[in-house]
Amino acid sequence: MNFPIAIHGKEFSAEMKPVMEKLWADISTNNSQIQISASFFVHLKEHGFKIDDYRTYLTDQGPENVQMAWSIGGDGTFLETLSHVGAKEIPILGINTGRLGFLATLSPEEVPEALQHVLLNEYTIEDRCLVSVDAEIDLFHGKDFGLNEVGIMKTDSSSMIQIKTYLDGNFLNTYWADGIIVSTATGSTGYSLSVGGPLVIPTSDSFIVAPMSPHNLNVRPLIVSSDSILKFEVSSRSQNFLISIDSRSRVIDSKISIEVKKAGFSGKIVKIPGDDFLQTLRNKLNWGLDVRN
């Protein structure tokens, strides 16, 4: 197989090692052009994998000269892989060794078949809108983009925060809440869903603005165009707040305003035949489960 790929994975237990050995054999037997993330390389070595002949890449620089990146783990690992790829827009295939998995949908048992689809060019690539966050300081060391959501949240367990929100320069609302989520369509099945946001077809060009535990019962999630620019000014008793993008987060001073908009590049997700969002909804969320069906 002459198809250069990058591989990133999560740490796994000794109980999972046989599964990973079979998975690695399926991948490596058919491909000698593999780059492994430096962190995953170390973990594989600790488990005795024979990988000295493979190249590694640093996660802050990302893989080079590959046609595809494979993520082995859950959705969190997929998001990490996306942060490695960044503006290089390398398509990512997600192999699910975790639990739920809306991004990493391929099971380890399906890998041999998936390899054949890749070899025969029998796959599609979906463009997914990414969200970016901007402020007067560098919040995430240049990794200011995400596939799922940006979150603004309180840092203590007592008092709510006030989030003055502007949409394309026009005042929208002041949210009195525990926080607010700006989700992409892809992220509608993530954090946004848990705070009452709607499900959105992931290829849609939209953002979901969803408050977390709002103090006003008449405040509901709002869907806006992904071309919108959202600005947030936060007030809190603690004089700070938590800002997150996908799985990365930090506490910042409440004097700092936040701007959220579409990133200047997109995420590319590899879809193997049979990998369908609506089928995933039915399988993962029991969507439409009814004894009459």
Protein backbone atom coordinates (compact mmCIF):
# COMPACT_ATOMS: atom_id res chain seq x y z
CA MET A 1 0.00 0.00 0.00
CA ASN A 2 1.63 3.19 -1.17
CA PHE A 3 -0.58 5.62 0.72
CA PRO A 4 1.17 7.85 3.30
CA ILE A 5 -0.91 8.33 6.44
CA ALA A 6 -0.46 9.89 9.86
CA ILE A 7 -1.70 8.12 12.99
CA HIS A 8 -2.58 9.54 16.38
CA GLY A 9 -4.15 7.57 19.20
CA LYS A 10 -5.08 7.70 22.84
CA GLU A 11 -3.41 5.77 25.63
CA PHE A 12 -4.84 2.30 26.12
CA SER A 13 -4.82 -0.26 28.92
CA ALA A 14 -3.23 -3.71 28.99
CA GLU A 15 -6.72 -5.18 28.52
CA MET A 16 -7.05 -3.26 25.25
CA LYS A 17 -3.63 -4.33 23.96
CA PRO A 18 -4.85 -7.39 21.96
CA VAL A 19 -7.38 -5.18 20.17
CA MET A 20 -4.70 -2.60 19.40
CA GLU A 21 -2.25 -5.30 18.21
CA LYS A 22 -4.82 -6.62 15.74
CA LEU A 23 -5.67 -3.07 14.65
CA TRP A 24 -2.02 -2.16 14.19
CA ALA A 25 -1.34 -5.35 12.23
CA ASP A 26 -4.22 -4.57 9.87
CA ILE A 27 -2.87 -1.07 9.25
CA SER A 28 0.88 -1.70 9.13
CA THR A 29 0.75 -4.89 7.04
CA ASN A 30 -0.79 -2.91 4.23
CA ASN A 31 1.18 0.29 4.65
CA SER A 32 4.83 1.12 5.28
CA GLN A 33 4.41 4.89 4.89
CA ILE A 34 3.18 5.78 8.36
CA GLN A 35 3.91 8.81 10.52
CA ILE A 36 2.99 8.46 14.20
CA SER A 37 2.38 11.32 16.60
CA ALA A 38 5.27 11.59 19.06
CA SER A 39 3.01 11.04 22.10
CA PHE A 40 1.34 7.94 20.64
CA PHE A 41 4.72 6.59 19.49
CA VAL A 42 6.00 6.65 23.08
CA HIS A 43 2.88 4.88 24.33
CA LEU A 44 3.10 2.17 21.66
CA LYS A 45 6.76 1.59 22.54
CA GLU A 46 5.81 1.19 26.20
CA HIS A 47 3.48 -1.62 25.15
CA GLY A 48 6.22 -3.33 23.14
CA PHE A 49 5.10 -2.44 19.62
CA LYS A 50 7.83 -2.80 16.96
CA ILE A 51 7.64 0.65 15.39
CA ASP A 52 11.25 1.89 15.24
CA ASP A 53 11.15 2.04 11.43
CA TYR A 54 8.31 4.56 11.37
CA ARG A 55 8.61 8.33 11.35
CA THR A 56 7.12 10.51 14.05
CA TYR A 57 5.71 14.01 14.02
CA LEU A 58 5.45 16.65 16.73
CA THR A 59 1.89 17.48 17.68
CA ASP A 60 2.46 21.25 17.59
CA GLN A 61 3.79 21.01 14.02
CA GLY A 62 1.58 18.26 12.62
CA PRO A 63 2.28 15.56 10.04
CA GLU A 64 3.95 16.33 6.71
CA ASN A 65 3.38 14.93 3.21
CA VAL A 66 0.55 12.56 4.10
CA GLN A 67 -2.72 12.02 2.29
CA MET A 68 -4.79 11.11 5.31
CA ALA A 69 -4.69 11.09 9.12
CA TRP A 70 -6.14 8.25 11.17
CA SER A 71 -7.40 8.83 14.69
CA ILE A 72 -7.55 5.81 17.03
CA GLY A 73 -9.63 6.38 20.15
CA GLY A 74 -12.84 8.31 20.72
CA ASP A 75 -14.17 11.68 19.68
CA GLY A 76 -11.68 13.41 22.01
CA THR A 77 -8.79 11.77 20.16
CA PHE A 78 -10.35 12.82 16.86
CA LEU A 79 -10.44 16.45 18.08
CA GLU A 80 -6.78 16.19 19.11
CA THR A 81 -5.90 14.87 15.65
CA LEU A 82 -7.73 17.79 14.08
CA SER A 83 -5.69 20.20 16.22
CA HIS A 84 -2.51 18.56 14.86
CA VAL A 85 -3.71 18.90 11.25
CA GLY A 86 -5.01 22.48 11.49
CA ALA A 87 -4.84 24.57 8.34
CA LYS A 88 -3.18 21.73 6.40
CA GLU A 89 -6.72 20.36 5.97
CA ILE A 90 -5.56 16.73 5.88
CA PRO A 91 -8.64 14.43 5.78
CA ILE A 92 -9.16 12.48 9.01
CA LEU A 93 -10.60 8.99 9.45
CA GLY A 94 -11.82 8.14 12.95
CA ILE A 95 -11.48 4.63 14.40
CA ASN A 96 -13.57 4.22 17.55
CA THR A 97 -12.01 2.25 20.40
CA GLY A 98 -14.02 4.21 22.97
CA ARG A 99 -17.75 4.35 23.67
CA LEU A 100 -20.18 6.69 21.88
CA GLY A 101 -18.38 8.22 18.92
CA PHE A 102 -20.01 10.65 16.49
CA LEU A 103 -16.70 11.60 14.85
CA ALA A 104 -14.84 8.32 15.32
CA THR A 105 -17.48 5.99 13.90
CA LEU A 106 -15.41 3.14 12.46
CA SER A 107 -15.01 0.06 14.70
CA PRO A 108 -11.65 -1.80 14.84
CA GLU A 109 -13.34 -4.78 13.15
CA GLU A 110 -14.16 -2.60 10.14
CA VAL A 111 -10.56 -1.45 9.57
CA PRO A 112 -9.53 -4.13 7.00
CA GLU A 113 -12.57 -3.27 4.87
CA ALA A 114 -11.92 0.45 5.33
CA LEU A 115 -8.33 -0.02 4.13
CA GLN A 116 -9.60 -1.60 0.95
CA HIS A 117 -12.01 1.29 0.39
CA VAL A 118 -9.13 3.72 0.85
CA LEU A 119 -6.92 1.80 -1.59
CA LEU A 120 -9.67 1.73 -4.19
CA ASN A 121 -10.47 5.42 -3.61
CA GLU A 122 -13.96 4.42 -2.48
CA TYR A 123 -14.57 7.13 0.08
CA THR A 124 -15.84 10.67 0.29
CA ILE A 125 -14.55 13.68 2.18
CA GLU A 126 -16.97 15.94 4.04
CA ASP A 127 -16.08 19.58 4.65
CA ARG A 128 -16.96 20.66 8.17
CA CYS A 129 -17.11 24.26 9.37
CA LEU A 130 -14.65 25.08 12.15
CA VAL A 131 -15.14 27.73 14.81
CA SER A 132 -12.36 30.10 15.89
CA VAL A 133 -11.88 32.33 18.92
CA ASP A 134 -10.00 35.60 19.00
CA ALA A 135 -8.95 37.95 21.81
CA GLU A 136 -6.32 40.59 22.56
CA ILE A 137 -4.10 37.82 23.93
CA ASP A 138 -3.04 34.48 22.43
CA LEU A 139 -5.46 32.13 24.16
CA PHE A 140 -4.43 28.72 22.84
CA HIS A 141 -0.88 29.07 21.53
CA GLY A 142 -1.99 29.45 17.94
CA LYS A 143 -4.50 26.57 18.14
CA ASP A 144 -7.48 28.93 18.24
CA PHE A 145 -9.84 26.73 16.19
CA GLY A 146 -12.17 23.85 16.96
CA LEU A 147 -14.55 21.43 15.33
CA ASN A 148 -17.19 21.22 18.07
CA GLU A 149 -17.60 24.37 20.12
CA VAL A 150 -16.35 27.39 22.01
CA GLY A 151 -17.49 27.61 25.62
CA ILE A 152 -17.56 30.54 28.04
CA MET A 153 -18.20 29.41 31.62
CA LYS A 154 -18.04 30.54 35.22
CA THR A 155 -15.06 29.39 37.29
CA ASP A 156 -16.74 28.91 40.67
CA SER A 157 -19.72 26.90 41.87
CA SER A 158 -21.74 29.71 43.41
CA SER A 159 -22.72 32.70 41.28
CA MET A 160 -23.68 32.91 37.62
CA ILE A 161 -21.97 35.21 35.14
CA GLN A 162 -23.35 37.90 32.85
CA ILE A 163 -22.44 37.57 29.17
CA LYS A 164 -23.18 40.64 27.05
CA THR A 165 -23.49 39.32 23.50
CA TYR A 166 -23.29 41.04 20.12
CA LEU A 167 -24.19 39.52 16.75
CA ASP A 168 -22.48 41.18 13.75
CA GLY A 169 -22.02 44.34 15.81
CA ASN A 170 -25.65 44.48 16.98
CA PHE A 171 -26.59 43.88 20.62
CA LEU A 172 -28.25 40.46 20.97
CA ASN A 173 -28.76 39.80 24.68
CA THR A 174 -27.14 39.76 28.10
CA TYR A 175 -27.18 36.16 29.26
CA TRP A 176 -27.41 35.57 33.01
CA ALA A 177 -26.26 31.98 33.14
CA ASP A 178 -23.55 29.50 34.11
CA GLY A 179 -22.09 30.04 30.66
CA ILE A 180 -22.74 29.94 26.94
CA ILE A 181 -21.82 27.51 24.16
CA VAL A 182 -21.21 28.47 20.53
CA SER A 183 -21.40 25.18 18.68
CA THR A 184 -20.80 24.25 15.08
CA ALA A 185 -23.28 22.01 13.30
CA THR A 186 -20.83 19.13 13.88
CA GLY A 187 -20.80 19.93 17.60
CA SER A 188 -24.59 19.86 17.88
CA THR A 189 -24.37 16.28 19.21
CA GLY A 190 -21.81 17.32 21.85
CA TYR A 191 -21.85 19.86 24.66
CA SER A 192 -24.57 21.90 22.96
CA LEU A 193 -27.00 18.97 23.07
CA SER A 194 -26.48 18.56 26.83
CA VAL A 195 -27.61 22.16 27.46
CA GLY A 196 -30.74 21.84 25.32
CA GLY A 197 -29.42 22.75 21.87
CA PRO A 198 -30.98 21.26 18.73
CA LEU A 199 -29.56 18.53 16.56
CA VAL A 200 -28.24 19.95 13.27
CA ILE A 201 -27.10 18.11 10.14
CA PRO A 202 -23.29 18.38 10.50
CA THR A 203 -22.64 19.73 6.99
CA SER A 204 -24.91 22.74 7.68
CA ASP A 205 -23.34 26.21 7.65
CA SER A 206 -24.60 27.37 11.02
CA PHE A 207 -23.67 28.05 14.63
CA ILE A 208 -25.79 27.27 17.67
CA VAL A 209 -25.70 29.82 20.51
CA ALA A 210 -26.92 27.96 23.60
CA PRO A 211 -26.88 29.26 27.20
CA MET A 212 -25.92 26.98 30.07
CA SER A 213 -28.49 26.97 32.89
CA PRO A 214 -29.90 30.43 32.03
CA HIS A 215 -31.63 32.37 34.82
CA ASN A 216 -34.34 33.53 32.38
CA LEU A 217 -36.84 30.90 31.26
CA ASN A 218 -37.57 32.81 28.04
CA VAL A 219 -33.98 32.45 26.79
CA ARG A 220 -33.56 29.62 24.30
CA PRO A 221 -30.83 28.33 21.96
CA LEU A 222 -30.46 30.36 18.76
CA ILE A 223 -29.23 29.19 15.35
CA VAL A 224 -27.25 31.78 13.38
CA SER A 225 -25.28 31.74 10.15
CA SER A 226 -21.70 30.53 10.42
CA ASP A 227 -20.74 33.74 8.62
CA SER A 228 -21.81 35.65 11.74
CA ILE A 229 -19.34 37.28 14.10
CA LEU A 230 -20.20 36.96 17.78
CA LYS A 231 -18.64 39.12 20.48
CA PHE A 232 -18.86 38.43 24.20
CA GLU A 233 -18.15 40.68 27.20
CA VAL A 234 -18.24 38.84 30.52
CA SER A 235 -18.88 40.15 34.04
CA SER A 236 -18.43 37.95 37.10
CA ARG A 237 -17.91 38.26 40.85
CA SER A 238 -14.69 36.26 40.55
CA GLN A 239 -13.36 38.75 37.94
CA ASN A 240 -12.50 35.89 35.58
CA PHE A 241 -14.07 33.17 33.47
CA LEU A 242 -13.21 29.92 31.72
CA ILE A 243 -12.80 29.89 27.95
CA SER A 244 -12.68 26.54 26.14
CA ILE A 245 -12.41 25.36 22.56
CA ASP A 246 -13.11 21.67 22.06
CA SER A 247 -10.99 19.91 24.72
CA ARG A 248 -8.66 22.85 25.50
CA SER A 249 -9.44 25.45 28.18
CA ARG A 250 -7.97 28.21 30.33
CA VAL A 251 -9.06 30.85 32.83
CA ILE A 252 -8.79 34.50 31.74
CA ASP A 253 -9.53 37.93 33.16
CA SER A 254 -13.07 39.19 32.68
CA LYS A 255 -11.70 42.44 31.20
CA ILE A 256 -10.87 40.48 28.03
CA SER A 257 -13.61 40.36 25.39
CA ILE A 258 -13.98 37.35 23.11
CA GLU A 259 -14.80 37.21 19.40
CA VAL A 260 -16.07 33.99 17.86
CA LYS A 261 -16.39 33.37 14.13
CA LYS A 262 -15.83 30.79 11.40
CA ALA A 263 -12.21 29.66 11.00
CA GLY A 264 -10.39 30.46 7.77
CA PHE A 265 -10.11 26.76 6.87
CA SER A 266 -12.28 23.69 7.25
CA GLY A 267 -12.08 20.24 8.77
CA LYS A 268 -12.05 17.30 6.38
CA ILE A 269 -13.70 14.07 7.54
CA VAL A 270 -13.27 10.79 5.65
CA LYS A 271 -16.50 8.89 5.09
CA ILE A 272 -16.38 5.19 4.19
CA PRO A 273 -19.44 3.71 2.40
CA GLY A 274 -22.14 2.96 4.97
CA ASP A 275 -21.01 5.70 7.38
CA ASP A 276 -24.15 7.84 7.57
CA PHE A 277 -25.03 10.55 10.13
CA LEU A 278 -28.69 9.56 10.34
CA GLN A 279 -27.74 5.92 10.93
CA THR A 280 -25.30 7.07 13.61
CA LEU A 281 -28.10 9.05 15.29
CA ARG A 282 -30.28 5.98 15.40
CA ASN A 283 -27.48 3.75 16.68
CA LYS A 284 -25.87 6.11 19.19
CA LEU A 285 -28.80 8.18 20.51
CA ASN A 286 -31.64 5.71 19.88
CA TRP A 287 -33.06 8.44 17.62
CA GLY A 288 -36.73 7.71 16.89
CA LEU A 289 -36.68 4.54 18.97
CA ASP A 290 -40.29 3.39 19.12
CA VAL A 291 -41.82 -0.06 19.55
CA ARG A 292 -44.12 0.79 16.61
CA ASN A 293 -41.07 1.02 14.33
